[in-house]
Amino acid sequence: MITRHFEPRQLIASAALCATGGAAAYLGMYRYGLGELFHLGAGAFPFLLGLLLVALGLLNLISAFDPPPAPTRHQWFGALAVFASIAVFALSLETLGLVPAVILLTLTSRLAEPPFEPVGTLTLAAGLSVLAYIVFVFGLRMPLEAFNWP
């Protein structure tokens, strides 16, 4: 399991922001009223939203005091694979075209999370390249070539 670590100041600030949002939602509820259980009033949604924000703020505050985990070699390799996939996409889009660039992007970024499964990864790459072509060329009318072989 990968855990993420944030600075305690950031977590305390986010807890304070959630508490402020929860208080504002409570004030909104107080003005409109909750209603009844089966006939909710206009203030029920702000009240539930305020409860959710306060709970998230408390979770952030509690997690601010966890000890930071040390990065592992696997995490560094994953980050490197993601950055490399962005570079591969940027370099191959003009030279190879949209479809091969998306396939290379998917193959490279898939190295970030082992084990590498070739069949699933190639299926994902093919689906994403078709989807990218449909969205960007047909939907957004961007002037991109599907294949641009030298």
Protein backbone atom coordinates (compact mmCIF):
# COMPACT_ATOMS: atom_id res chain seq x y z
CA MET A 1 0.00 0.00 0.00
CA ILE A 2 1.35 3.40 -0.97
CA THR A 3 0.80 6.15 1.56
CA ARG A 4 1.16 9.80 0.83
CA HIS A 5 2.69 12.32 3.18
CA PHE A 6 1.91 16.00 3.38
CA GLU A 7 3.37 18.70 5.54
CA PRO A 8 1.57 19.12 8.88
CA ARG A 9 1.01 22.82 8.17
CA GLN A 10 -0.78 21.95 4.92
CA LEU A 11 -2.99 19.40 6.64
CA ILE A 12 -3.84 21.75 9.51
CA ALA A 13 -4.64 24.51 7.02
CA SER A 14 -6.88 22.17 5.03
CA ALA A 15 -8.59 21.10 8.27
CA ALA A 16 -9.23 24.74 9.13
CA LEU A 17 -10.56 25.36 5.62
CA CYS A 18 -12.91 22.38 5.92
CA ALA A 19 -14.08 23.57 9.32
CA THR A 20 -14.77 27.02 7.88
CA GLY A 21 -16.71 25.48 5.01
CA GLY A 22 -18.64 23.32 7.45
CA ALA A 23 -19.52 26.35 9.57
CA ALA A 24 -20.66 28.25 6.49
CA ALA A 25 -22.81 25.31 5.42
CA TYR A 26 -24.30 25.12 8.90
CA LEU A 27 -25.18 28.82 8.77
CA GLY A 28 -26.83 28.24 5.40
CA MET A 29 -28.84 25.38 6.86
CA TYR A 30 -29.88 27.39 9.88
CA ARG A 31 -31.43 30.07 7.69
CA TYR A 32 -33.43 27.64 5.52
CA GLY A 33 -34.33 24.85 7.94
CA LEU A 34 -33.84 21.10 7.75
CA GLY A 35 -37.40 20.01 7.11
CA GLU A 36 -38.53 16.51 8.05
CA LEU A 37 -37.02 13.09 7.42
CA PHE A 38 -39.18 12.26 4.38
CA HIS A 39 -39.68 15.88 3.28
CA LEU A 40 -36.27 17.47 3.43
CA GLY A 41 -36.08 21.22 3.46
CA ALA A 42 -33.74 23.51 1.57
CA GLY A 43 -31.21 23.46 4.42
CA ALA A 44 -30.74 19.66 4.47
CA PHE A 45 -28.14 19.60 1.70
CA PRO A 46 -25.98 22.36 3.21
CA PHE A 47 -26.23 20.62 6.58
CA LEU A 48 -25.05 17.25 5.19
CA LEU A 49 -22.34 18.98 3.19
CA GLY A 50 -21.21 20.77 6.33
CA LEU A 51 -21.05 17.48 8.24
CA LEU A 52 -18.99 15.94 5.46
CA LEU A 53 -16.59 18.90 5.41
CA VAL A 54 -16.13 18.80 9.17
CA ALA A 55 -15.47 15.05 9.05
CA LEU A 56 -12.89 15.50 6.28
CA GLY A 57 -11.29 18.31 8.25
CA LEU A 58 -11.00 16.07 11.30
CA LEU A 59 -9.46 13.29 9.23
CA ASN A 60 -6.93 15.74 7.81
CA LEU A 61 -6.10 17.01 11.27
CA ILE A 62 -5.60 13.49 12.64
CA SER A 63 -3.42 12.45 9.71
CA ALA A 64 -1.21 15.53 10.15
CA PHE A 65 0.59 13.83 13.00
CA ASP A 66 1.50 10.56 11.26
CA PRO A 67 5.22 9.96 10.77
CA PRO A 68 6.36 10.49 7.17
CA PRO A 69 7.18 7.33 5.22
CA ALA A 70 10.52 7.11 3.45
CA PRO A 71 10.26 6.91 -0.35
CA THR A 72 11.05 3.50 -1.75
CA ARG A 73 12.97 2.63 -4.89
CA HIS A 74 9.72 1.46 -6.49
CA GLN A 75 8.12 4.88 -5.95
CA TRP A 76 11.07 6.66 -7.58
CA PHE A 77 10.94 4.30 -10.53
CA GLY A 78 7.19 4.90 -10.91
CA ALA A 79 7.64 8.66 -10.95
CA LEU A 80 10.43 8.34 -13.51
CA ALA A 81 8.24 6.15 -15.71
CA VAL A 82 5.41 8.70 -15.64
CA PHE A 83 7.73 11.60 -16.53
CA ALA A 84 9.36 9.51 -19.27
CA SER A 85 5.95 8.67 -20.73
CA ILE A 86 5.09 12.36 -21.02
CA ALA A 87 8.41 13.02 -22.76
CA VAL A 88 7.90 10.06 -25.11
CA PHE A 89 4.44 11.33 -26.04
CA ALA A 90 5.68 14.87 -26.67
CA LEU A 91 8.54 13.65 -28.84
CA SER A 92 6.53 11.10 -30.82
CA LEU A 93 3.34 13.06 -31.49
CA GLU A 94 4.77 15.10 -34.37
CA THR A 95 7.04 12.40 -35.75
CA LEU A 96 4.83 9.28 -35.54
CA GLY A 97 1.29 10.59 -35.21
CA LEU A 98 -1.42 10.50 -32.55
CA VAL A 99 -2.15 6.76 -32.47
CA PRO A 100 1.47 5.57 -32.06
CA ALA A 101 2.18 8.38 -29.58
CA VAL A 102 -0.73 7.33 -27.35
CA ILE A 103 0.35 3.68 -27.60
CA LEU A 104 3.91 4.59 -26.58
CA LEU A 105 2.57 6.81 -23.79
CA THR A 106 0.48 3.95 -22.42
CA LEU A 107 3.28 1.38 -22.67
CA THR A 108 5.80 3.66 -20.97
CA SER A 109 3.50 4.83 -18.20
CA ARG A 110 2.40 1.24 -17.51
CA LEU A 111 5.95 0.50 -16.37
CA ALA A 112 5.24 2.61 -13.29
CA GLU A 113 3.18 -0.13 -11.64
CA PRO A 114 4.51 -3.68 -11.92
CA PRO A 115 3.79 -6.39 -12.88
CA PHE A 116 3.69 -5.50 -16.56
CA GLU A 117 0.87 -7.46 -18.24
CA PRO A 118 1.40 -7.32 -22.03
CA VAL A 119 -2.08 -8.36 -23.18
CA GLY A 120 -3.96 -6.00 -20.86
CA THR A 121 -1.56 -3.15 -21.53
CA LEU A 122 -1.78 -3.53 -25.32
CA THR A 123 -5.57 -3.70 -25.11
CA LEU A 124 -5.59 -0.54 -23.00
CA ALA A 125 -3.19 1.18 -25.40
CA ALA A 126 -5.34 0.31 -28.42
CA GLY A 127 -8.52 1.50 -26.71
CA LEU A 128 -6.95 4.75 -25.53
CA SER A 129 -5.50 5.50 -28.96
CA VAL A 130 -8.90 5.00 -30.63
CA LEU A 131 -10.58 7.11 -27.96
CA ALA A 132 -7.95 9.86 -28.29
CA TYR A 133 -8.41 9.90 -32.07
CA ILE A 134 -12.19 10.14 -31.76
CA VAL A 135 -12.08 12.87 -29.12
CA PHE A 136 -9.32 15.06 -30.53
CA VAL A 137 -9.70 14.63 -34.28
CA PHE A 138 -13.45 14.11 -34.70
CA GLY A 139 -14.78 15.79 -31.57
CA LEU A 140 -12.46 18.78 -31.15
CA ARG A 141 -11.36 18.97 -34.81
CA MET A 142 -7.69 19.28 -33.91
CA PRO A 143 -5.34 19.00 -36.90
CA LEU A 144 -3.59 15.82 -35.78
CA GLU A 145 -2.50 13.00 -38.05
CA ALA A 146 -3.41 9.48 -36.93
CA PHE A 147 -0.20 8.07 -38.42
CA ASN A 148 2.69 10.22 -39.60
CA TRP A 149 5.34 7.81 -40.76
CA PRO A 150 8.61 9.38 -41.91
